[in-house]
Structures are given as C-alpha cells and as structure tokens.
C-alpha atoms as a PDB file:
ATOM      1  CA  UNK A   1     102.325  84.066  -5.805  1.00  0.00           C
ATOM      2  CA  UNK A   2     103.651  85.803  -8.863  1.00  0.00           C
ATOM      3  CA  UNK A   3     103.252  89.521  -9.321  1.00  0.00           C
ATOM      4  CA  UNK A   4     104.506  89.544 -12.884  1.00  0.00           C
ATOM      5  CA  UNK A   5     102.932  91.541 -15.637  1.00  0.00           C
ATOM      6  CA  UNK A   6     100.171  89.130 -16.630  1.00  0.00           C
ATOM      7  CA  UNK A   7      99.937  85.531 -15.424  1.00  0.00           C
ATOM      8  CA  UNK A   8      96.880  83.714 -16.754  1.00  0.00           C
ATOM      9  CA  UNK A   9      95.270  80.340 -16.208  1.00  0.00           C
ATOM     10  CA  UNK A  10      95.013  77.684 -18.909  1.00  0.00           C
ATOM     11  CA  UNK A  11      92.342  74.991 -18.894  1.00  0.00           C
ATOM     12  CA  UNK A  12      94.589  72.350 -17.324  1.00  0.00           C
ATOM     13  CA  UNK A  13      97.525  72.134 -14.959  1.00  0.00           C
ATOM     14  CA  UNK A  14      99.237  68.771 -14.485  1.00  0.00           C
ATOM     15  CA  UNK A  15     100.092  69.520 -10.861  1.00  0.00           C
ATOM     16  CA  UNK A  16      97.046  68.574  -8.730  1.00  0.00           C
ATOM     17  CA  UNK A  17      98.092  70.653  -5.746  1.00  0.00           C
ATOM     18  CA  UNK A  18      98.530  73.881  -7.667  1.00  0.00           C
ATOM     19  CA  UNK A  19      96.035  76.227  -9.250  1.00  0.00           C
ATOM     20  CA  UNK A  20      96.330  76.471 -13.033  1.00  0.00           C
ATOM     21  CA  UNK A  21      98.586  79.286 -14.048  1.00  0.00           C
ATOM     22  CA  UNK A  22     100.986  80.460 -16.697  1.00  0.00           C
ATOM     23  CA  UNK A  23     102.908  83.590 -17.410  1.00  0.00           C
ATOM     24  CA  UNK A  24     102.164  85.847 -20.344  1.00  0.00           C
ATOM     25  CA  UNK A  25     105.210  86.569 -22.462  1.00  0.00           C
ATOM     26  CA  UNK A  26     104.039  89.994 -23.619  1.00  0.00           C
ATOM     27  CA  UNK A  27     102.895  93.059 -21.744  1.00  0.00           C
ATOM     28  CA  UNK A  28      99.219  93.901 -22.208  1.00  0.00           C
ATOM     29  CA  UNK A  29      98.653  96.664 -24.714  1.00  0.00           C
ATOM     30  CA  UNK A  30      96.990  99.965 -23.719  1.00  0.00           C
ATOM     31  CA  UNK A  31      93.833  98.748 -25.440  1.00  0.00           C
ATOM     32  CA  UNK A  32      93.856  95.528 -23.415  1.00  0.00           C
ATOM     33  CA  UNK A  33      94.351  97.496 -20.211  1.00  0.00           C
ATOM     34  CA  UNK A  34      91.449  99.785 -21.108  1.00  0.00           C
ATOM     35  CA  UNK A  35      89.164  96.862 -21.849  1.00  0.00           C
ATOM     36  CA  UNK A  36      90.146  95.202 -18.555  1.00  0.00           C
ATOM     37  CA  UNK A  37      89.497  98.437 -16.657  1.00  0.00           C
ATOM     38  CA  UNK A  38      86.051  98.710 -18.249  1.00  0.00           C
ATOM     39  CA  UNK A  39      85.300  95.098 -17.326  1.00  0.00           C
ATOM     40  CA  UNK A  40      86.361  95.679 -13.728  1.00  0.00           C
ATOM     41  CA  UNK A  41      84.223  98.811 -13.515  1.00  0.00           C
ATOM     42  CA  UNK A  42      81.167  97.113 -15.006  1.00  0.00           C
ATOM     43  CA  UNK A  43      81.488  94.185 -12.604  1.00  0.00           C
ATOM     44  CA  UNK A  44      82.354  96.260  -9.538  1.00  0.00           C
ATOM     45  CA  UNK A  45      78.704  96.463  -8.500  1.00  0.00           C
ATOM     46  CA  UNK A  46      78.505 100.241  -8.559  1.00  0.00           C
ATOM     47  CA  UNK A  47      77.170 100.703 -12.136  1.00  0.00           C
ATOM     48  CA  UNK A  48      74.662  97.868 -11.781  1.00  0.00           C
ATOM     49  CA  UNK A  49      73.406  99.119  -8.432  1.00  0.00           C
ATOM     50  CA  UNK A  50      73.039 102.676  -9.718  1.00  0.00           C
ATOM     51  CA  UNK A  51      71.103 101.385 -12.735  1.00  0.00           C
ATOM     52  CA  UNK A  52      68.879  99.266 -10.501  1.00  0.00           C
ATOM     53  CA  UNK A  53      68.224 102.137  -8.091  1.00  0.00           C
ATOM     54  CA  UNK A  54      67.186 104.298 -11.039  1.00  0.00           C
ATOM     55  CA  UNK A  55      64.979 101.549 -12.457  1.00  0.00           C
ATOM     56  CA  UNK A  56      63.335 100.892  -9.106  1.00  0.00           C
ATOM     57  CA  UNK A  57      62.690 104.598  -8.578  1.00  0.00           C
ATOM     58  CA  UNK A  58      60.967 104.735 -11.972  1.00  0.00           C
ATOM     59  CA  UNK A  59      58.462 102.110 -10.839  1.00  0.00           C
ATOM     60  CA  UNK A  60      57.908 103.839  -7.513  1.00  0.00           C
ATOM     61  CA  UNK A  61      60.074 101.651  -5.291  1.00  0.00           C
ATOM     62  CA  UNK A  62      61.895 103.599  -2.585  1.00  0.00           C
ATOM     63  CA  UNK A  63      64.638 102.545  -0.159  1.00  0.00           C
ATOM     64  CA  UNK A  64      62.850 104.101   2.796  1.00  0.00           C
ATOM     65  CA  UNK A  65      59.320 104.641   3.997  1.00  0.00           C
ATOM     66  CA  UNK A  66      60.166 106.311   7.267  1.00  0.00           C
ATOM     67  CA  UNK A  67      62.608 103.472   7.902  1.00  0.00           C
ATOM     68  CA  UNK A  68      64.878 101.465   5.632  1.00  0.00           C
ATOM     69  CA  UNK A  69      62.811  98.981   3.642  1.00  0.00           C
ATOM     70  CA  UNK A  70      63.765  95.322   4.037  1.00  0.00           C
ATOM     71  CA  UNK A  71      62.039  94.323   0.793  1.00  0.00           C
ATOM     72  CA  UNK A  72      63.898  97.057  -1.093  1.00  0.00           C
ATOM     73  CA  UNK A  73      67.277  95.993   0.297  1.00  0.00           C
ATOM     74  CA  UNK A  74      66.602  92.343  -0.541  1.00  0.00           C
ATOM     75  CA  UNK A  75      65.321  93.116  -4.042  1.00  0.00           C
ATOM     76  CA  UNK A  76      68.237  95.403  -4.843  1.00  0.00           C
ATOM     77  CA  UNK A  77      70.878  93.041  -3.435  1.00  0.00           C
ATOM     78  CA  UNK A  78      69.609  89.852  -5.078  1.00  0.00           C
ATOM     79  CA  UNK A  79      68.901  91.461  -8.445  1.00  0.00           C
ATOM     80  CA  UNK A  80      72.321  93.101  -8.453  1.00  0.00           C
ATOM     81  CA  UNK A  81      73.899  89.750  -7.604  1.00  0.00           C
ATOM     82  CA  UNK A  82      72.201  88.171 -10.620  1.00  0.00           C
ATOM     83  CA  UNK A  83      73.316  91.029 -12.885  1.00  0.00           C
ATOM     84  CA  UNK A  84      76.953  90.983 -11.732  1.00  0.00           C
ATOM     85  CA  UNK A  85      77.245  87.202 -11.937  1.00  0.00           C
ATOM     86  CA  UNK A  86      75.670  87.263 -15.391  1.00  0.00           C
ATOM     87  CA  UNK A  87      78.018  90.010 -16.562  1.00  0.00           C
ATOM     88  CA  UNK A  88      81.070  88.125 -15.329  1.00  0.00           C
ATOM     89  CA  UNK A  89      79.958  84.929 -17.036  1.00  0.00           C
ATOM     90  CA  UNK A  90      79.310  86.740 -20.346  1.00  0.00           C
ATOM     91  CA  UNK A  91      82.668  88.538 -20.236  1.00  0.00           C
ATOM     92  CA  UNK A  92      84.550  85.323 -19.526  1.00  0.00           C
ATOM     93  CA  UNK A  93      82.813  83.478 -22.343  1.00  0.00           C
ATOM     94  CA  UNK A  94      83.360  86.323 -24.816  1.00  0.00           C
ATOM     95  CA  UNK A  95      87.072  86.220 -24.004  1.00  0.00           C
ATOM     96  CA  UNK A  96      87.214  82.458 -24.352  1.00  0.00           C
ATOM     97  CA  UNK A  97      87.891  81.984 -20.650  1.00  0.00           C
ATOM     98  CA  UNK A  98      86.304  79.140 -18.725  1.00  0.00           C
ATOM     99  CA  UNK A  99      84.513  79.949 -15.437  1.00  0.00           C
ATOM    100  CA  UNK A 100      85.157  76.592 -13.739  1.00  0.00           C
ATOM    101  CA  UNK A 101      88.998  76.668 -13.799  1.00  0.00           C
ATOM    102  CA  UNK A 102      88.932  80.420 -13.235  1.00  0.00           C
ATOM    103  CA  UNK A 103      86.948  80.232 -10.004  1.00  0.00           C
ATOM    104  CA  UNK A 104      87.502  76.701  -8.712  1.00  0.00           C
ATOM    105  CA  UNK A 105      91.002  75.821  -9.865  1.00  0.00           C
ATOM    106  CA  UNK A 106      91.908  72.164  -9.375  1.00  0.00           C
ATOM    107  CA  UNK A 107      91.709  71.803  -5.605  1.00  0.00           C
ATOM    108  CA  UNK A 108      89.215  69.451  -3.960  1.00  0.00           C
ATOM    109  CA  UNK A 109      85.999  71.315  -3.207  1.00  0.00           C
ATOM    110  CA  UNK A 110      85.459  69.494   0.087  1.00  0.00           C
ATOM    111  CA  UNK A 111      88.892  70.468   1.370  1.00  0.00           C
ATOM    112  CA  UNK A 112      88.354  74.083   0.343  1.00  0.00           C
ATOM    113  CA  UNK A 113      84.942  74.136   2.025  1.00  0.00           C
ATOM    114  CA  UNK A 114      86.521  72.833   5.235  1.00  0.00           C
ATOM    115  CA  UNK A 115      89.124  75.578   5.043  1.00  0.00           C
ATOM    116  CA  UNK A 116      86.336  78.131   4.679  1.00  0.00           C
ATOM    117  CA  UNK A 117      84.592  76.839   7.797  1.00  0.00           C
ATOM    118  CA  UNK A 118      87.853  76.906   9.749  1.00  0.00           C
ATOM    119  CA  UNK A 119      88.390  80.526   8.734  1.00  0.00           C
ATOM    120  CA  UNK A 120      84.998  81.728  10.022  1.00  0.00           C
ATOM    121  CA  UNK A 121      86.213  82.078  13.642  1.00  0.00           C
ATOM    122  CA  UNK A 122      89.336  83.840  12.354  1.00  0.00           C
ATOM    123  CA  UNK A 123      87.185  86.346  10.460  1.00  0.00           C
ATOM    124  CA  UNK A 124      85.017  86.951  13.531  1.00  0.00           C
ATOM    125  CA  UNK A 125      88.129  87.433  15.675  1.00  0.00           C
ATOM    126  CA  UNK A 126      89.592  89.866  13.126  1.00  0.00           C
ATOM    127  CA  UNK A 127      86.426  91.961  13.292  1.00  0.00           C
ATOM    128  CA  UNK A 128      86.229  91.886  17.090  1.00  0.00           C
ATOM    129  CA  UNK A 129      89.888  92.822  17.615  1.00  0.00           C
ATOM    130  CA  UNK A 130      89.973  95.503  14.923  1.00  0.00           C
ATOM    131  CA  UNK A 131      86.708  97.067  16.075  1.00  0.00           C
ATOM    132  CA  UNK A 132      87.938  97.196  19.667  1.00  0.00           C
ATOM    133  CA  UNK A 133      91.244  98.795  18.653  1.00  0.00           C
ATOM    134  CA  UNK A 134      89.513 101.400  16.464  1.00  0.00           C
ATOM    135  CA  UNK A 135      87.086 102.250  19.240  1.00  0.00           C
ATOM    136  CA  UNK A 136      89.991 102.844  21.594  1.00  0.00           C
ATOM    137  CA  UNK A 137      92.371 104.773  19.334  1.00  0.00           C
ATOM    138  CA  UNK A 138      89.895 106.538  17.014  1.00  0.00           C
ATOM    139  CA  UNK A 139      86.417 106.634  18.591  1.00  0.00           C
ATOM    140  CA  UNK A 140      85.307 109.297  16.097  1.00  0.00           C
ATOM    141  CA  UNK A 141      85.292 106.632  13.397  1.00  0.00           C
ATOM    142  CA  UNK A 142      82.335 105.016  15.154  1.00  0.00           C
ATOM    143  CA  UNK A 143      79.920 107.494  13.590  1.00  0.00           C
ATOM    144  CA  UNK A 144      76.959 105.098  13.209  1.00  0.00           C
ATOM    145  CA  UNK A 145      75.631 103.934  16.557  1.00  0.00           C
ATOM    146  CA  UNK A 146      73.080 101.488  15.124  1.00  0.00           C
ATOM    147  CA  UNK A 147      73.759  99.571  11.939  1.00  0.00           C
ATOM    148  CA  UNK A 148      70.735 100.400   9.728  1.00  0.00           C
ATOM    149  CA  UNK A 149      70.785  96.945   8.163  1.00  0.00           C
ATOM    150  CA  UNK A 150      71.048  95.020  11.414  1.00  0.00           C
ATOM    151  CA  UNK A 151      68.168  97.079  12.800  1.00  0.00           C
ATOM    152  CA  UNK A 152      65.886  95.414  10.244  1.00  0.00           C
ATOM    153  CA  UNK A 153      66.554  91.897  11.544  1.00  0.00           C
ATOM    154  CA  UNK A 154      63.807  91.864  14.166  1.00  0.00           C
ATOM    155  CA  UNK A 155      61.543  88.978  13.057  1.00  0.00           C
ATOM    156  CA  UNK A 156      62.140  85.390  11.934  1.00  0.00           C
ATOM    157  CA  UNK A 157      61.043  86.350   8.400  1.00  0.00           C
ATOM    158  CA  UNK A 158      63.457  89.272   8.317  1.00  0.00           C
ATOM    159  CA  UNK A 159      66.267  87.079   9.615  1.00  0.00           C
ATOM    160  CA  UNK A 160      65.558  84.433   6.967  1.00  0.00           C
ATOM    161  CA  UNK A 161      65.478  87.109   4.249  1.00  0.00           C
ATOM    162  CA  UNK A 162      68.773  88.542   5.391  1.00  0.00           C
ATOM    163  CA  UNK A 163      70.264  85.061   5.596  1.00  0.00           C
ATOM    164  CA  UNK A 164      69.392  84.520   1.932  1.00  0.00           C
ATOM    165  CA  UNK A 165      70.884  87.878   0.974  1.00  0.00           C
ATOM    166  CA  UNK A 166      73.961  87.149   3.107  1.00  0.00           C
ATOM    167  CA  UNK A 167      74.671  83.918   1.249  1.00  0.00           C
ATOM    168  CA  UNK A 168      73.760  84.905  -2.324  1.00  0.00           C
ATOM    169  CA  UNK A 169      74.625  88.607  -2.508  1.00  0.00           C
ATOM    170  CA  UNK A 170      77.391  88.373   0.077  1.00  0.00           C
ATOM    171  CA  UNK A 171      79.080  85.006   0.002  1.00  0.00           C
ATOM    172  CA  UNK A 172      78.560  84.029  -3.624  1.00  0.00           C
ATOM    173  CA  UNK A 173      78.324  87.290  -5.584  1.00  0.00           C
ATOM    174  CA  UNK A 174      81.063  89.182  -3.777  1.00  0.00           C
ATOM    175  CA  UNK A 175      83.586  86.343  -3.872  1.00  0.00           C
ATOM    176  CA  UNK A 176      83.022  85.592  -7.560  1.00  0.00           C
ATOM    177  CA  UNK A 177      83.312  89.331  -8.151  1.00  0.00           C
ATOM    178  CA  UNK A 178      86.487  89.596  -6.065  1.00  0.00           C
ATOM    179  CA  UNK A 179      88.146  86.700  -7.879  1.00  0.00           C
ATOM    180  CA  UNK A 180      87.236  88.168 -11.273  1.00  0.00           C
ATOM    181  CA  UNK A 181      88.613  91.596 -10.375  1.00  0.00           C
ATOM    182  CA  UNK A 182      91.812  90.171  -8.900  1.00  0.00           C
ATOM    183  CA  UNK A 183      92.404  88.133 -12.050  1.00  0.00           C
ATOM    184  CA  UNK A 184      91.939  91.173 -14.260  1.00  0.00           C
ATOM    185  CA  UNK A 185      94.424  93.158 -12.175  1.00  0.00           C
ATOM    186  CA  UNK A 186      96.809  90.203 -12.229  1.00  0.00           C
ATOM    187  CA  UNK A 187      96.759  89.898 -16.006  1.00  0.00           C
ATOM    188  CA  UNK A 188      96.302  93.508 -17.162  1.00  0.00           C
ATOM    189  CA  UNK A 189      96.192  96.170 -14.456  1.00  0.00           C
ATOM    190  CA  UNK A 190      99.352  96.132 -12.379  1.00  0.00           C
ATOM    191  CA  UNK A 191      99.358  92.801 -10.567  1.00  0.00           C
ATOM    192  CA  UNK A 192      97.344  90.946  -7.917  1.00  0.00           C
ATOM    193  CA  UNK A 193      98.645  92.983  -4.972  1.00  0.00           C
ATOM    194  CA  UNK A 194      97.465  96.211  -6.585  1.00  0.00           C
ATOM    195  CA  UNK A 195      94.108  94.563  -7.258  1.00  0.00           C
ATOM    196  CA  UNK A 196      93.887  93.304  -3.687  1.00  0.00           C
ATOM    197  CA  UNK A 197      94.497  96.793  -2.275  1.00  0.00           C
ATOM    198  CA  UNK A 198      92.204  98.595  -4.712  1.00  0.00           C
ATOM    199  CA  UNK A 199      89.292  96.202  -4.382  1.00  0.00           C
ATOM    200  CA  UNK A 200      89.619  95.889  -0.595  1.00  0.00           C
ATOM    201  CA  UNK A 201      89.405  99.677  -0.286  1.00  0.00           C
ATOM    202  CA  UNK A 202      86.409  99.767  -2.651  1.00  0.00           C
ATOM    203  CA  UNK A 203      84.796  96.909  -0.728  1.00  0.00           C
ATOM    204  CA  UNK A 204      85.172  98.828   2.520  1.00  0.00           C
ATOM    205  CA  UNK A 205      83.844 102.073   1.033  1.00  0.00           C
ATOM    206  CA  UNK A 206      80.771 100.181  -0.130  1.00  0.00           C
ATOM    207  CA  UNK A 207      79.906  99.626   3.542  1.00  0.00           C
ATOM    208  CA  UNK A 208      80.244 103.236   4.704  1.00  0.00           C
ATOM    209  CA  UNK A 209      76.516 103.326   5.458  1.00  0.00           C
ATOM    210  CA  UNK A 210      77.362 101.088   8.425  1.00  0.00           C
ATOM    211  CA  UNK A 211      79.975 103.544   9.731  1.00  0.00           C
ATOM    212  CA  UNK A 212      83.550 104.547   9.006  1.00  0.00           C
ATOM    213  CA  UNK A 213      84.904 101.973  11.424  1.00  0.00           C
ATOM    214  CA  UNK A 214      82.763  99.286   9.800  1.00  0.00           C
ATOM    215  CA  UNK A 215      84.145 100.299   6.400  1.00  0.00           C
ATOM    216  CA  UNK A 216      87.720  99.787   7.630  1.00  0.00           C
ATOM    217  CA  UNK A 217      86.908  96.429   9.191  1.00  0.00           C
ATOM    218  CA  UNK A 218      85.045  95.297   6.077  1.00  0.00           C
ATOM    219  CA  UNK A 219      87.985  96.313   3.899  1.00  0.00           C
ATOM    220  CA  UNK A 220      90.266  94.120   6.016  1.00  0.00           C
ATOM    221  CA  UNK A 221      87.831  91.225   5.688  1.00  0.00           C
ATOM    222  CA  UNK A 222      87.827  91.694   1.935  1.00  0.00           C
ATOM    223  CA  UNK A 223      91.619  91.586   1.950  1.00  0.00           C
ATOM    224  CA  UNK A 224      91.533  88.334   3.936  1.00  0.00           C
ATOM    225  CA  UNK A 225      89.200  86.670   1.454  1.00  0.00           C
ATOM    226  CA  UNK A 226      91.198  88.029  -1.459  1.00  0.00           C
ATOM    227  CA  UNK A 227      94.430  86.608  -0.048  1.00  0.00           C
ATOM    228  CA  UNK A 228      92.792  83.206   0.388  1.00  0.00           C
ATOM    229  CA  UNK A 229      91.694  83.229  -3.256  1.00  0.00           C
ATOM    230  CA  UNK A 230      95.111  84.290  -4.523  1.00  0.00           C
ATOM    231  CA  UNK A 231      96.800  81.581  -2.465  1.00  0.00           C
ATOM    232  CA  UNK A 232      94.315  78.800  -3.215  1.00  0.00           C
ATOM    233  CA  UNK A 233      92.925  79.853  -6.618  1.00  0.00           C
ATOM    234  CA  UNK A 234      89.495  78.645  -5.544  1.00  0.00           C
ATOM    235  CA  UNK A 235      86.503  80.705  -4.443  1.00  0.00           C
ATOM    236  CA  UNK A 236      85.061  77.858  -2.377  1.00  0.00           C
ATOM    237  CA  UNK A 237      86.921  78.749   0.826  1.00  0.00           C
ATOM    238  CA  UNK A 238      86.188  82.490   0.602  1.00  0.00           C
ATOM    239  CA  UNK A 239      82.516  81.824  -0.209  1.00  0.00           C
ATOM    240  CA  UNK A 240      82.054  79.483   2.743  1.00  0.00           C
ATOM    241  CA  UNK A 241      83.919  81.792   5.117  1.00  0.00           C
ATOM    242  CA  UNK A 242      82.119  84.913   3.872  1.00  0.00           C
ATOM    243  CA  UNK A 243      78.695  83.281   4.000  1.00  0.00           C
ATOM    244  CA  UNK A 244      79.404  81.762   7.408  1.00  0.00           C
ATOM    245  CA  UNK A 245      80.574  85.113   8.757  1.00  0.00           C
ATOM    246  CA  UNK A 246      77.490  86.890   7.396  1.00  0.00           C
ATOM    247  CA  UNK A 247      75.115  84.252   8.773  1.00  0.00           C
ATOM    248  CA  UNK A 248      76.745  84.559  12.185  1.00  0.00           C
ATOM    249  CA  UNK A 249      76.250  88.328  12.067  1.00  0.00           C
ATOM    250  CA  UNK A 250      72.585  87.858  11.102  1.00  0.00           C
ATOM    251  CA  UNK A 251      72.087  85.458  14.011  1.00  0.00           C
ATOM    252  CA  UNK A 252      73.739  87.852  16.467  1.00  0.00           C
ATOM    253  CA  UNK A 253      71.656  90.789  15.219  1.00  0.00           C
ATOM    254  CA  UNK A 254      68.449  88.749  15.487  1.00  0.00           C
ATOM    255  CA  UNK A 255      69.278  87.627  19.029  1.00  0.00           C
ATOM    256  CA  UNK A 256      70.027  91.224  20.049  1.00  0.00           C
ATOM    257  CA  UNK A 257      66.774  92.478  18.501  1.00  0.00           C
ATOM    258  CA  UNK A 258      64.613  89.792  20.095  1.00  0.00           C
ATOM    259  CA  UNK A 259      66.310  90.218  23.472  1.00  0.00           C
ATOM    260  CA  UNK A 260      65.606  93.959  23.383  1.00  0.00           C
ATOM    261  CA  UNK A 261      61.889  93.409  22.722  1.00  0.00           C
ATOM    262  CA  UNK A 262      61.369  90.554  25.174  1.00  0.00           C
END
C-alpha cells in the first residue's frame, strides 16, 4: 500500500488481482486540498445529521418522549444514509470519478463477500477481547451501563427495524463513506494512514452515546474495516463484515431483552 502524496485510480487496471491505482506526478495544490477537506467534512455524516435533526425538530419530531424513540432513530439514520450516499455519488460524478471502480475495484464480488463473512467472527472477537481488557484496566471508561440503542430492541418489530438500520445505515452507508474519505486522504490530505487514523477516531467518537469504552472499541472496528478496504480496494468485504457484525449485535440484544422479560 502506497502512502505517496496522491495515488488515484483510473478506470481500468490490466492486473486482475490488483485494485486499480496510479500515482499522481504532482502534489495537490492548496485549493485542491481545501476542496477535498470540504468534501470529507460534508460526507462525514456530522453536517447532514445536524441538518436533519434541525429539520425534524422544526416539524415537531423529537429524539425522546421519556425514552429514546425507535422511530426517530430509524428515520434519522436511514435519511442520513440516503443523503450521504447521494452526496458522495454527486461529488464523484462532478469530479469525473466513477463509483464502480472506486468502491468495488476489480476483485470478484463473491470472493470479497466470502472474506467479509469470514471476518465477522474476527470482528466479534476483537470487540470481546478489547472490551474485557478495558473493563479490567480502565473500568471508569465503562460509563454507560445500558446501551440506549440496544435497550430499544425488545420486540420483533424493533429488532427488524434495527436490522434494516444496521445493514443500510451501518454496513452500506458507513463503508461507502469510509472508502470515500480514505481515498480523499490518500490523494489530497496526507495519505491513507492519516485518513485511517482520523476517520477511525471520528467513527469512535460518533458512538460516545454508547459509552467511552464502546467508542474505543468502535474506533478499532472502523480501523479494521478501513484496513480491509485499503488492502482489497473493494467495499464488499467491509460491508458484509460490518452488516454481519451489526446483525449479530441486534440478535444478541433482542435475545437479552426477551430473556429478561420472560
């Protein structure tokens, strides 16, 4: 994996086992860096979510009504996913970049999907081991005793709703978003490693509502999926792994909730 100033992907690479790539011969100008930074910010999820929260508040929708609202979480997550994916597509097209080679490379989709499934147990093990270590060495980081999102998964309808959100807003949106951000860092903002660190930290901070320990674990998961994309140049594996991990978490939360009420 190159960490040069600005490798980019052309439409075609004659080597079937490699993702398309090339190396820019010129450093990006300050203007190009600024534009890339604006694109990353717009597609980070934070501006779109803030805009959606404001819009929803204007029509009387609130995140809580005594307890966290499942319908609000689902509406916000799915709408934000549509906005971010749309923004990324528009930006790529305006720049003359093609989404298919950008996100899928040239590797066989079936093979990448299999890799994603194989990585699901590894992701679950990473979470279990890291959570256990953090609980032992820094118990103060476990500042949220009950995950407010998991607490909502107490009926089959709620579980199905969360499963949809887990796949669309989690697996698909976040991995397309991650790949886009990593590519912008790779070509204009300091290299893929810088992008991997920055976006993994931001990804973890976005989950602080679930606890400081959960934010750290989530950041590590984001790094794992980012590394897979950078190595494979395909989002298929990260999407399958991310979605599979999220669905497993939904199933566990539902089983815990139903066991507690039975």
